[in-house]
């Protein structure tokens, strides 16, 4: 073990041979992640591009809560989702605007905070709009590039401007040839 690690206290305590996690430390991690998500959502609401940050923090929270649930199932920490009657609540943490909290037992489902739902819906819509605009621009650029001849190679295709110039040039060459024929026939 590195010397720097020797003085660090572990977040576990021994209790009759069983290993348990410090409930306050576990709750503090959850509170910290939730606080960060709220801060990023406030920035998103203010018009900043924070969709990636919100998504990553939601992912981190989801992984942490899955870990916590597993540790609770093993009896190493109290369950993360309990109400006053001890009924377990499961939370779907994803970026879908339809994310809801569901409560097992006799109580009806509890809906997400309306502000959070609206922010997520707006963020997803903005992200989709941004991606569509980018795809449209890329498709238009691809059409332009495909219309250009390959540099350094023979010209197999002409652009519309080059085609118009070539037609004009051909018409002028035909007219010049006609004048030459007339010039050779006329007596001077």
N, C-alpha and C. Protein backbone atom coordinates (compact mmCIF):
# COMPACT_ATOMS: atom_id res chain seq x y z
N UNK A 1 0.86 -1.17 0.00
CA UNK A 1 0.00 0.00 0.00
C UNK A 1 0.90 1.23 0.00
N UNK A 2 0.59 2.21 -0.88
CA UNK A 2 1.39 3.43 -0.89
C UNK A 2 1.31 4.15 0.46
N UNK A 3 2.39 4.81 0.84
CA UNK A 3 2.45 5.50 2.14
C UNK A 3 1.36 6.56 2.25
N UNK A 4 1.04 7.23 1.13
CA UNK A 4 0.03 8.29 1.16
C UNK A 4 -1.35 7.76 1.51
N UNK A 5 -1.60 6.48 1.27
CA UNK A 5 -2.91 5.92 1.53
C UNK A 5 -3.08 5.44 2.97
N UNK A 6 -2.00 5.29 3.70
CA UNK A 6 -2.06 4.68 5.02
C UNK A 6 -2.84 5.50 6.03
N UNK A 7 -2.86 6.82 5.90
CA UNK A 7 -3.55 7.67 6.86
C UNK A 7 -5.01 7.91 6.52
N UNK A 8 -5.47 7.43 5.37
CA UNK A 8 -6.85 7.70 4.93
C UNK A 8 -7.79 6.74 5.65
N UNK A 9 -8.86 7.31 6.25
CA UNK A 9 -9.86 6.48 6.93
C UNK A 9 -10.76 5.82 5.90
N UNK A 10 -11.08 4.58 6.12
CA UNK A 10 -12.00 3.86 5.23
C UNK A 10 -13.42 4.31 5.54
N UNK A 11 -14.32 4.14 4.56
CA UNK A 11 -15.72 4.54 4.77
C UNK A 11 -16.54 3.36 5.31
N UNK A 12 -15.85 2.36 5.86
CA UNK A 12 -16.56 1.21 6.40
C UNK A 12 -16.18 1.04 7.87
N UNK A 13 -17.10 0.46 8.62
CA UNK A 13 -16.83 0.17 10.02
C UNK A 13 -17.17 -1.29 10.27
N UNK A 14 -16.45 -1.91 11.20
CA UNK A 14 -16.70 -3.31 11.55
C UNK A 14 -17.80 -3.35 12.61
N UNK A 15 -18.72 -4.27 12.45
CA UNK A 15 -19.80 -4.44 13.42
C UNK A 15 -20.03 -5.94 13.56
N UNK A 16 -19.49 -6.53 14.60
CA UNK A 16 -19.61 -7.97 14.84
C UNK A 16 -19.15 -8.80 13.65
N UNK A 17 -18.06 -8.37 13.02
CA UNK A 17 -17.52 -9.14 11.90
C UNK A 17 -18.16 -8.78 10.57
N UNK A 18 -19.26 -8.05 10.57
CA UNK A 18 -19.91 -7.65 9.31
C UNK A 18 -19.36 -6.31 8.86
N UNK A 19 -19.25 -6.12 7.56
CA UNK A 19 -18.78 -4.85 7.01
C UNK A 19 -19.99 -4.02 6.61
N UNK A 20 -20.04 -2.78 7.12
CA UNK A 20 -21.15 -1.90 6.76
C UNK A 20 -20.57 -0.56 6.31
N UNK A 21 -21.33 0.13 5.50
CA UNK A 21 -20.91 1.43 5.00
C UNK A 21 -21.44 2.53 5.91
N UNK A 22 -20.72 3.61 5.99
CA UNK A 22 -21.14 4.77 6.77
C UNK A 22 -22.34 5.41 6.07
N UNK A 23 -23.51 5.34 6.69
CA UNK A 23 -24.75 5.83 6.09
C UNK A 23 -24.67 7.31 5.75
N UNK A 24 -24.03 8.09 6.61
CA UNK A 24 -23.93 9.53 6.37
C UNK A 24 -23.06 9.81 5.14
N UNK A 25 -21.98 9.06 4.96
CA UNK A 25 -21.11 9.26 3.81
C UNK A 25 -21.83 8.88 2.51
N UNK A 26 -22.57 7.79 2.57
CA UNK A 26 -23.31 7.34 1.38
C UNK A 26 -24.37 8.38 1.02
N UNK A 27 -25.10 8.87 2.01
CA UNK A 27 -26.13 9.89 1.75
C UNK A 27 -25.49 11.18 1.25
N UNK A 28 -24.29 11.51 1.73
CA UNK A 28 -23.61 12.73 1.28
C UNK A 28 -23.21 12.63 -0.20
N UNK A 29 -22.81 11.45 -0.63
CA UNK A 29 -22.48 11.27 -2.05
C UNK A 29 -23.71 11.51 -2.91
N UNK A 30 -24.85 10.92 -2.50
CA UNK A 30 -26.10 11.13 -3.24
C UNK A 30 -26.47 12.61 -3.26
N UNK A 31 -26.41 13.26 -2.12
CA UNK A 31 -26.76 14.68 -2.04
C UNK A 31 -25.83 15.52 -2.91
N UNK A 32 -24.55 15.16 -2.94
CA UNK A 32 -23.61 15.89 -3.79
C UNK A 32 -23.93 15.76 -5.25
N UNK A 33 -24.24 14.54 -5.70
CA UNK A 33 -24.59 14.33 -7.11
C UNK A 33 -25.89 15.06 -7.46
N UNK A 34 -26.87 14.98 -6.59
CA UNK A 34 -28.14 15.67 -6.84
C UNK A 34 -27.91 17.19 -6.90
N UNK A 35 -27.08 17.71 -6.01
CA UNK A 35 -26.77 19.14 -6.03
C UNK A 35 -26.09 19.57 -7.33
N UNK A 36 -25.16 18.75 -7.80
CA UNK A 36 -24.49 19.05 -9.07
C UNK A 36 -25.47 19.04 -10.23
N UNK A 37 -26.38 18.06 -10.24
CA UNK A 37 -27.38 17.98 -11.31
C UNK A 37 -28.27 19.22 -11.28
N UNK A 38 -28.70 19.63 -10.10
CA UNK A 38 -29.54 20.83 -9.99
C UNK A 38 -28.80 22.06 -10.51
N UNK A 39 -27.53 22.18 -10.17
CA UNK A 39 -26.75 23.34 -10.63
C UNK A 39 -26.63 23.35 -12.15
N UNK A 40 -26.38 22.19 -12.74
CA UNK A 40 -26.26 22.11 -14.21
C UNK A 40 -27.61 22.39 -14.87
N UNK A 41 -28.69 21.93 -14.25
CA UNK A 41 -30.03 22.20 -14.81
C UNK A 41 -30.35 23.69 -14.74
N UNK A 42 -29.92 24.35 -13.67
CA UNK A 42 -30.12 25.80 -13.58
C UNK A 42 -29.36 26.52 -14.70
N UNK A 43 -28.12 26.06 -14.96
CA UNK A 43 -27.34 26.65 -16.05
C UNK A 43 -28.00 26.37 -17.40
N UNK A 44 -28.54 25.16 -17.57
CA UNK A 44 -29.25 24.80 -18.80
C UNK A 44 -30.47 25.69 -18.98
N UNK A 45 -31.19 25.92 -17.89
CA UNK A 45 -32.38 26.76 -17.93
C UNK A 45 -32.00 28.21 -18.29
N UNK A 46 -30.79 28.62 -17.91
CA UNK A 46 -30.32 29.97 -18.21
C UNK A 46 -29.81 30.09 -19.64
N UNK A 47 -29.84 29.01 -20.40
CA UNK A 47 -29.46 29.08 -21.81
C UNK A 47 -28.09 28.52 -22.13
N UNK A 48 -27.38 27.98 -21.15
CA UNK A 48 -26.06 27.41 -21.42
C UNK A 48 -26.20 25.98 -21.93
N UNK A 49 -25.22 25.53 -22.71
CA UNK A 49 -25.23 24.18 -23.27
C UNK A 49 -24.70 23.21 -22.22
N UNK A 50 -25.57 22.67 -21.39
CA UNK A 50 -25.17 21.80 -20.29
C UNK A 50 -25.77 20.40 -20.43
N UNK A 51 -26.30 20.06 -21.61
CA UNK A 51 -26.96 18.78 -21.79
C UNK A 51 -26.03 17.61 -21.52
N UNK A 52 -24.80 17.69 -22.00
CA UNK A 52 -23.83 16.60 -21.79
C UNK A 52 -23.53 16.45 -20.30
N UNK A 53 -23.34 17.57 -19.61
CA UNK A 53 -23.05 17.51 -18.17
C UNK A 53 -24.21 16.88 -17.40
N UNK A 54 -25.43 17.28 -17.73
CA UNK A 54 -26.60 16.72 -17.05
C UNK A 54 -26.68 15.22 -17.31
N UNK A 55 -26.47 14.82 -18.54
CA UNK A 55 -26.54 13.41 -18.90
C UNK A 55 -25.49 12.60 -18.15
N UNK A 56 -24.25 13.11 -18.09
CA UNK A 56 -23.19 12.39 -17.40
C UNK A 56 -23.46 12.29 -15.90
N UNK A 57 -23.95 13.37 -15.32
CA UNK A 57 -24.26 13.34 -13.89
C UNK A 57 -25.42 12.40 -13.58
N UNK A 58 -26.43 12.38 -14.45
CA UNK A 58 -27.54 11.43 -14.27
C UNK A 58 -27.03 10.00 -14.34
N UNK A 59 -26.13 9.75 -15.27
CA UNK A 59 -25.53 8.41 -15.39
C UNK A 59 -24.77 8.06 -14.12
N UNK A 60 -23.97 8.99 -13.61
CA UNK A 60 -23.22 8.74 -12.38
C UNK A 60 -24.17 8.48 -11.21
N UNK A 61 -25.24 9.24 -11.13
CA UNK A 61 -26.21 9.05 -10.05
C UNK A 61 -26.89 7.69 -10.18
N UNK A 62 -27.23 7.32 -11.40
CA UNK A 62 -27.88 6.03 -11.62
C UNK A 62 -26.96 4.89 -11.19
N UNK A 63 -25.69 4.96 -11.59
CA UNK A 63 -24.75 3.91 -11.19
C UNK A 63 -24.58 3.86 -9.68
N UNK A 64 -24.47 5.04 -9.05
CA UNK A 64 -24.32 5.09 -7.60
C UNK A 64 -25.54 4.49 -6.91
N UNK A 65 -26.73 4.84 -7.38
CA UNK A 65 -27.95 4.34 -6.75
C UNK A 65 -28.10 2.84 -6.95
N UNK A 66 -27.67 2.32 -8.11
CA UNK A 66 -27.68 0.87 -8.33
C UNK A 66 -26.72 0.19 -7.35
N UNK A 67 -25.54 0.77 -7.18
CA UNK A 67 -24.57 0.23 -6.23
C UNK A 67 -25.17 0.24 -4.82
N UNK A 68 -25.78 1.36 -4.45
CA UNK A 68 -26.35 1.50 -3.12
C UNK A 68 -27.44 0.45 -2.91
N UNK A 69 -28.29 0.24 -3.91
CA UNK A 69 -29.36 -0.76 -3.79
C UNK A 69 -28.77 -2.15 -3.60
N UNK A 70 -27.70 -2.45 -4.34
CA UNK A 70 -27.05 -3.75 -4.20
C UNK A 70 -26.44 -3.93 -2.82
N UNK A 71 -25.79 -2.90 -2.32
CA UNK A 71 -25.20 -2.96 -0.98
C UNK A 71 -26.30 -3.10 0.07
N UNK A 72 -27.44 -2.44 -0.14
CA UNK A 72 -28.55 -2.55 0.80
C UNK A 72 -29.12 -3.97 0.78
N UNK A 73 -29.20 -4.56 -0.42
CA UNK A 73 -29.70 -5.93 -0.52
C UNK A 73 -28.77 -6.91 0.22
N UNK A 74 -27.48 -6.58 0.26
CA UNK A 74 -26.51 -7.42 0.97
C UNK A 74 -26.46 -7.09 2.46
N UNK A 75 -27.23 -6.12 2.89
CA UNK A 75 -27.29 -5.75 4.29
C UNK A 75 -26.12 -4.90 4.76
N UNK A 76 -25.41 -4.27 3.83
CA UNK A 76 -24.24 -3.48 4.20
C UNK A 76 -24.55 -2.01 4.44
N UNK A 77 -25.75 -1.57 4.10
CA UNK A 77 -26.17 -0.19 4.30
C UNK A 77 -27.70 -0.18 4.25
N UNK A 78 -28.31 0.86 4.82
CA UNK A 78 -29.76 0.98 4.75
C UNK A 78 -30.18 1.19 3.30
N UNK A 79 -31.40 0.75 2.97
CA UNK A 79 -31.92 0.88 1.61
C UNK A 79 -32.05 2.36 1.24
N UNK A 80 -31.71 2.71 0.00
CA UNK A 80 -31.76 4.12 -0.40
C UNK A 80 -33.16 4.66 -0.61
N UNK A 81 -34.12 3.79 -0.92
CA UNK A 81 -35.46 4.24 -1.26
C UNK A 81 -36.46 3.67 -0.27
N UNK A 82 -36.70 4.41 0.80
CA UNK A 82 -37.74 3.98 1.72
C UNK A 82 -38.54 5.19 2.15
N UNK A 83 -39.85 5.01 2.29
CA UNK A 83 -40.67 6.10 2.82
C UNK A 83 -40.89 5.82 4.31
N UNK A 84 -41.76 6.58 4.93
CA UNK A 84 -41.95 6.46 6.38
C UNK A 84 -42.54 5.11 6.77
N UNK A 85 -43.19 4.41 5.87
CA UNK A 85 -43.78 3.10 6.18
C UNK A 85 -42.85 1.96 5.78
N UNK A 86 -41.66 2.27 5.27
CA UNK A 86 -40.71 1.23 4.91
C UNK A 86 -40.98 0.59 3.56
N UNK A 87 -41.79 1.22 2.71
CA UNK A 87 -42.07 0.69 1.39
C UNK A 87 -40.97 1.16 0.44
N UNK A 88 -40.38 0.22 -0.29
CA UNK A 88 -39.27 0.56 -1.18
C UNK A 88 -39.77 1.26 -2.43
N UNK A 89 -39.06 2.31 -2.83
CA UNK A 89 -39.36 3.06 -4.04
C UNK A 89 -38.26 2.82 -5.05
N UNK A 90 -38.61 2.61 -6.30
CA UNK A 90 -37.62 2.44 -7.37
C UNK A 90 -37.67 3.66 -8.27
N UNK A 91 -36.53 4.19 -8.64
CA UNK A 91 -36.47 5.39 -9.47
C UNK A 91 -35.81 5.04 -10.79
N UNK A 92 -36.42 5.44 -11.88
CA UNK A 92 -35.82 5.29 -13.20
C UNK A 92 -35.08 6.58 -13.47
N UNK A 93 -33.74 6.54 -13.51
CA UNK A 93 -32.94 7.72 -13.78
C UNK A 93 -32.43 7.63 -15.21
N UNK A 94 -33.16 8.23 -16.12
CA UNK A 94 -32.68 8.28 -17.49
C UNK A 94 -33.02 9.65 -18.05
N UNK A 95 -32.55 9.93 -19.27
CA UNK A 95 -32.74 11.24 -19.86
C UNK A 95 -34.06 11.34 -20.60
N UNK A 96 -34.93 10.34 -20.44
CA UNK A 96 -36.20 10.39 -21.14
C UNK A 96 -37.13 11.37 -20.45
N UNK A 97 -37.88 12.15 -21.25
CA UNK A 97 -38.78 13.13 -20.63
C UNK A 97 -39.93 12.48 -19.88
N UNK A 98 -40.14 11.17 -20.05
CA UNK A 98 -41.23 10.49 -19.39
C UNK A 98 -40.80 9.82 -18.10
N UNK A 99 -39.60 10.13 -17.62
CA UNK A 99 -39.08 9.49 -16.41
C UNK A 99 -39.99 9.79 -15.23
N UNK A 100 -40.40 8.74 -14.50
CA UNK A 100 -41.27 8.92 -13.34
C UNK A 100 -40.76 8.07 -12.20
N UNK A 101 -41.11 8.49 -11.00
CA UNK A 101 -40.82 7.67 -9.83
C UNK A 101 -42.03 6.76 -9.63
N UNK A 102 -41.78 5.50 -9.34
CA UNK A 102 -42.88 4.58 -9.07
C UNK A 102 -42.74 4.08 -7.65
N UNK A 103 -43.86 3.87 -7.00
CA UNK A 103 -43.88 3.47 -5.61
C UNK A 103 -44.60 2.14 -5.53
N UNK A 104 -43.94 1.12 -4.98
CA UNK A 104 -44.60 -0.16 -4.81
C UNK A 104 -45.42 -0.10 -3.52
N UNK A 105 -46.51 -0.78 -3.49
CA UNK A 105 -47.36 -0.77 -2.31
C UNK A 105 -48.72 -0.20 -2.65
N UNK A 106 -49.40 0.29 -1.64
CA UNK A 106 -50.76 0.77 -1.81
C UNK A 106 -50.84 2.21 -2.30
N UNK A 107 -49.74 2.93 -2.29
CA UNK A 107 -49.78 4.35 -2.65
C UNK A 107 -49.71 4.52 -4.17
N UNK A 108 -50.34 5.57 -4.72
CA UNK A 108 -50.26 5.83 -6.16
C UNK A 108 -48.86 6.32 -6.56
N UNK A 109 -48.51 6.22 -7.87
CA UNK A 109 -47.19 6.68 -8.30
C UNK A 109 -46.97 8.15 -8.00
N UNK A 110 -45.75 8.50 -7.70
CA UNK A 110 -45.37 9.88 -7.43
C UNK A 110 -44.69 10.40 -8.69
N UNK A 111 -45.16 11.52 -9.26
CA UNK A 111 -44.58 12.04 -10.50
C UNK A 111 -43.34 12.87 -10.21
N UNK A 112 -42.49 12.99 -11.22
CA UNK A 112 -41.27 13.81 -11.09
C UNK A 112 -41.64 15.27 -10.89
N UNK A 113 -40.71 15.99 -10.40
CA UNK A 113 -40.86 17.43 -10.27
C UNK A 113 -41.12 18.02 -11.65
N UNK A 114 -42.14 18.83 -11.82
CA UNK A 114 -42.52 19.36 -13.13
C UNK A 114 -41.40 20.17 -13.77
N UNK A 115 -40.64 20.88 -12.97
CA UNK A 115 -39.54 21.69 -13.51
C UNK A 115 -38.46 20.82 -14.13
N UNK A 116 -38.08 19.75 -13.45
CA UNK A 116 -37.07 18.84 -13.95
C UNK A 116 -37.54 18.18 -15.24
N UNK A 117 -38.78 17.73 -15.25
CA UNK A 117 -39.32 17.09 -16.46
C UNK A 117 -39.30 18.06 -17.63
N UNK A 118 -39.72 19.30 -17.40
CA UNK A 118 -39.75 20.29 -18.48
C UNK A 118 -38.34 20.61 -18.97
N UNK A 119 -37.38 20.74 -18.05
CA UNK A 119 -35.99 21.01 -18.44
C UNK A 119 -35.42 19.88 -19.27
N UNK A 120 -35.69 18.65 -18.88
CA UNK A 120 -35.18 17.52 -19.64
C UNK A 120 -35.83 17.46 -21.02
N UNK A 121 -37.14 17.70 -21.09
CA UNK A 121 -37.83 17.72 -22.39
C UNK A 121 -37.23 18.79 -23.30
N UNK A 122 -37.01 19.96 -22.75
CA UNK A 122 -36.43 21.06 -23.53
C UNK A 122 -35.02 20.72 -23.99
N UNK A 123 -34.24 20.14 -23.10
CA UNK A 123 -32.85 19.79 -23.45
C UNK A 123 -32.81 18.74 -24.56
N UNK A 124 -33.66 17.75 -24.47
CA UNK A 124 -33.70 16.70 -25.49
C UNK A 124 -34.16 17.29 -26.83
N UNK A 125 -35.18 18.15 -26.80
CA UNK A 125 -35.66 18.78 -28.03
C UNK A 125 -34.58 19.65 -28.67
N UNK A 126 -33.85 20.42 -27.85
CA UNK A 126 -32.77 21.27 -28.38
C UNK A 126 -31.65 20.43 -28.97
N UNK A 127 -31.32 19.34 -28.31
CA UNK A 127 -30.26 18.46 -28.81
C UNK A 127 -30.67 17.85 -30.14
N UNK A 128 -31.91 17.40 -30.24
CA UNK A 128 -32.40 16.82 -31.50
C UNK A 128 -32.41 17.86 -32.61
N UNK A 129 -32.85 19.08 -32.29
CA UNK A 129 -32.90 20.16 -33.28
C UNK A 129 -31.49 20.48 -33.77
N UNK A 130 -30.54 20.55 -32.85
CA UNK A 130 -29.16 20.85 -33.19
C UNK A 130 -28.58 19.76 -34.10
N UNK A 131 -28.85 18.51 -33.77
CA UNK A 131 -28.32 17.41 -34.58
C UNK A 131 -28.96 17.41 -35.97
N UNK A 132 -30.23 17.71 -36.07
CA UNK A 132 -30.91 17.75 -37.37
C UNK A 132 -30.33 18.87 -38.24
N UNK A 133 -30.09 20.03 -37.65
CA UNK A 133 -29.51 21.14 -38.40
C UNK A 133 -28.11 20.79 -38.90
N UNK A 134 -27.34 20.14 -38.06
CA UNK A 134 -25.99 19.72 -38.46
C UNK A 134 -26.06 18.71 -39.60
N UNK A 135 -26.95 17.74 -39.49
CA UNK A 135 -27.09 16.74 -40.55
C UNK A 135 -27.53 17.37 -41.87
N UNK A 136 -28.45 18.30 -41.81
CA UNK A 136 -28.91 18.98 -43.02
C UNK A 136 -27.77 19.73 -43.68
N UNK A 137 -26.97 20.44 -42.88
CA UNK A 137 -25.83 21.18 -43.42
C UNK A 137 -24.79 20.23 -44.02
N UNK A 138 -24.54 19.13 -43.35
CA UNK A 138 -23.58 18.16 -43.87
C UNK A 138 -24.06 17.52 -45.18
N UNK A 139 -25.34 17.24 -45.26
CA UNK A 139 -25.88 16.67 -46.51
C UNK A 139 -25.72 17.65 -47.66
N UNK A 140 -26.01 18.93 -47.43
CA UNK A 140 -25.87 19.95 -48.47
C UNK A 140 -24.42 20.07 -48.90
N UNK A 141 -23.51 20.03 -47.95
CA UNK A 141 -22.08 20.12 -48.27
C UNK A 141 -21.62 18.91 -49.06
N UNK A 142 -22.13 17.74 -48.72
CA UNK A 142 -21.78 16.51 -49.44
C UNK A 142 -22.24 16.58 -50.89
N UNK A 143 -23.41 17.12 -51.14
CA UNK A 143 -23.90 17.27 -52.51
C UNK A 143 -22.97 18.17 -53.31
N UNK A 144 -22.51 19.27 -52.69
CA UNK A 144 -21.57 20.17 -53.37
C UNK A 144 -20.26 19.47 -53.68
N UNK A 145 -19.73 18.73 -52.72
CA UNK A 145 -18.45 18.05 -52.91
C UNK A 145 -18.57 16.99 -53.99
N UNK A 146 -19.67 16.27 -54.02
CA UNK A 146 -19.85 15.23 -55.03
C UNK A 146 -19.95 15.83 -56.43
N UNK A 147 -20.37 17.08 -56.55
CA UNK A 147 -20.50 17.73 -57.86
C UNK A 147 -19.16 18.19 -58.40
N UNK A 148 -18.14 18.29 -57.55
CA UNK A 148 -16.83 18.77 -57.98
C UNK A 148 -16.02 17.64 -58.61
N UNK A 149 -15.18 17.96 -59.63
CA UNK A 149 -14.31 16.94 -60.19
C UNK A 149 -13.20 16.60 -59.20
N UNK A 150 -12.67 15.39 -59.32
CA UNK A 150 -11.59 14.98 -58.43
C UNK A 150 -10.33 15.75 -58.79
N UNK A 151 -9.65 16.35 -57.80
CA UNK A 151 -8.43 17.10 -58.10
C UNK A 151 -7.31 16.18 -58.58
N UNK A 152 -6.57 16.63 -59.60
CA UNK A 152 -5.43 15.88 -60.10
C UNK A 152 -5.78 14.79 -61.08
N UNK A 153 -7.02 14.56 -61.33
CA UNK A 153 -7.42 13.50 -62.25
C UNK A 153 -8.11 14.08 -63.47
N UNK A 154 -8.44 13.21 -64.42
CA UNK A 154 -9.16 13.72 -65.59
C UNK A 154 -10.55 14.20 -65.19
N UNK A 155 -11.01 15.19 -65.91
CA UNK A 155 -12.32 15.74 -65.62
C UNK A 155 -13.36 14.82 -66.24
N UNK A 156 -14.04 14.07 -65.39
CA UNK A 156 -15.07 13.16 -65.87
C UNK A 156 -16.44 13.82 -65.81
N UNK A 157 -16.56 14.76 -64.91
CA UNK A 157 -17.83 15.49 -64.79
C UNK A 157 -17.52 16.97 -64.71
N UNK A 158 -18.46 17.76 -65.11
CA UNK A 158 -18.31 19.21 -65.05
C UNK A 158 -19.33 19.77 -64.08
N UNK A 159 -18.95 20.88 -63.49
CA UNK A 159 -19.92 21.57 -62.64
C UNK A 159 -20.90 22.28 -63.56
N UNK A 160 -21.98 22.74 -63.01
CA UNK A 160 -22.99 23.42 -63.84
C UNK A 160 -22.43 24.69 -64.46
N UNK A 161 -21.55 25.40 -63.76
CA UNK A 161 -20.94 26.62 -64.28
C UNK A 161 -20.02 26.27 -65.45
N UNK A 162 -19.18 25.21 -65.28
CA UNK A 162 -18.28 24.79 -66.35
C UNK A 162 -19.06 24.29 -67.56
N UNK A 163 -20.16 23.62 -67.35
CA UNK A 163 -20.99 23.13 -68.45
C UNK A 163 -21.55 24.31 -69.25
N UNK A 164 -22.02 25.34 -68.56
CA UNK A 164 -22.56 26.52 -69.25
C UNK A 164 -21.47 27.21 -70.06
N UNK A 165 -20.27 27.33 -69.50
CA UNK A 165 -19.15 27.94 -70.21
C UNK A 165 -18.77 27.12 -71.44
N UNK A 166 -18.80 25.80 -71.30
CA UNK A 166 -18.44 24.93 -72.43
C UNK A 166 -19.45 25.06 -73.56
N UNK A 167 -20.72 25.16 -73.24
CA UNK A 167 -21.76 25.33 -74.27
C UNK A 167 -21.56 26.65 -75.00
N UNK A 168 -21.27 27.72 -74.24
CA UNK A 168 -21.03 29.03 -74.84
C UNK A 168 -19.79 28.99 -75.74
N UNK A 169 -18.74 28.35 -75.27
CA UNK A 169 -17.50 28.23 -76.05
C UNK A 169 -17.76 27.47 -77.35
N UNK A 170 -18.49 26.35 -77.27
CA UNK A 170 -18.79 25.56 -78.47
C UNK A 170 -19.59 26.39 -79.48
N UNK A 171 -20.53 27.19 -78.99
CA UNK A 171 -21.33 28.03 -79.89
C UNK A 171 -20.44 29.07 -80.57
N UNK A 172 -19.50 29.67 -79.82
CA UNK A 172 -18.58 30.65 -80.41
C UNK A 172 -17.63 29.99 -81.41
N UNK A 173 -17.16 28.78 -81.17
CA UNK A 173 -16.30 28.06 -82.12
C UNK A 173 -17.04 27.75 -83.42
N UNK A 174 -18.29 27.36 -83.30
CA UNK A 174 -19.10 27.10 -84.51
C UNK A 174 -19.26 28.39 -85.30
N UNK A 175 -19.52 29.49 -84.61
CA UNK A 175 -19.68 30.78 -85.27
C UNK A 175 -18.37 31.21 -85.94
N UNK A 176 -17.23 31.01 -85.28
CA UNK A 176 -15.92 31.37 -85.83
C UNK A 176 -15.63 30.53 -87.07
N UNK A 177 -15.95 29.25 -87.04
CA UNK A 177 -15.73 28.38 -88.21
C UNK A 177 -16.58 28.84 -89.37
N UNK A 178 -17.78 29.27 -89.06
CA UNK A 178 -18.67 29.77 -90.13
C UNK A 178 -18.08 31.02 -90.77
N UNK A 179 -17.55 31.93 -89.96
CA UNK A 179 -16.93 33.16 -90.49
C UNK A 179 -15.68 32.81 -91.33
N UNK A 180 -14.91 31.83 -90.90
CA UNK A 180 -13.72 31.43 -91.68
C UNK A 180 -14.13 30.92 -93.06
N UNK A 181 -15.17 30.11 -93.09
CA UNK A 181 -15.64 29.58 -94.38
C UNK A 181 -16.10 30.72 -95.29
N UNK A 182 -16.81 31.68 -94.70
CA UNK A 182 -17.29 32.81 -95.49
C UNK A 182 -16.10 33.64 -96.00
N UNK A 183 -15.09 33.78 -95.15
CA UNK A 183 -13.93 34.57 -95.53
C UNK A 183 -13.15 33.91 -96.66
N UNK A 184 -13.06 32.61 -96.68
CA UNK A 184 -12.33 31.94 -97.74
C UNK A 184 -13.13 31.93 -99.04
N UNK A 185 -14.41 32.04 -99.03
CA UNK A 185 -15.22 32.06 -100.22
C UNK A 185 -15.35 33.45 -100.85
N UNK A 186 -15.26 34.46 -100.07
CA UNK A 186 -15.49 35.79 -100.66
C UNK A 186 -14.27 36.26 -101.43
N UNK A 187 -14.52 36.91 -102.57
CA UNK A 187 -13.43 37.45 -103.38
C UNK A 187 -12.94 38.77 -102.79
N UNK A 188 -11.71 38.87 -102.57
CA UNK A 188 -11.12 40.11 -102.11
C UNK A 188 -10.02 40.55 -102.97
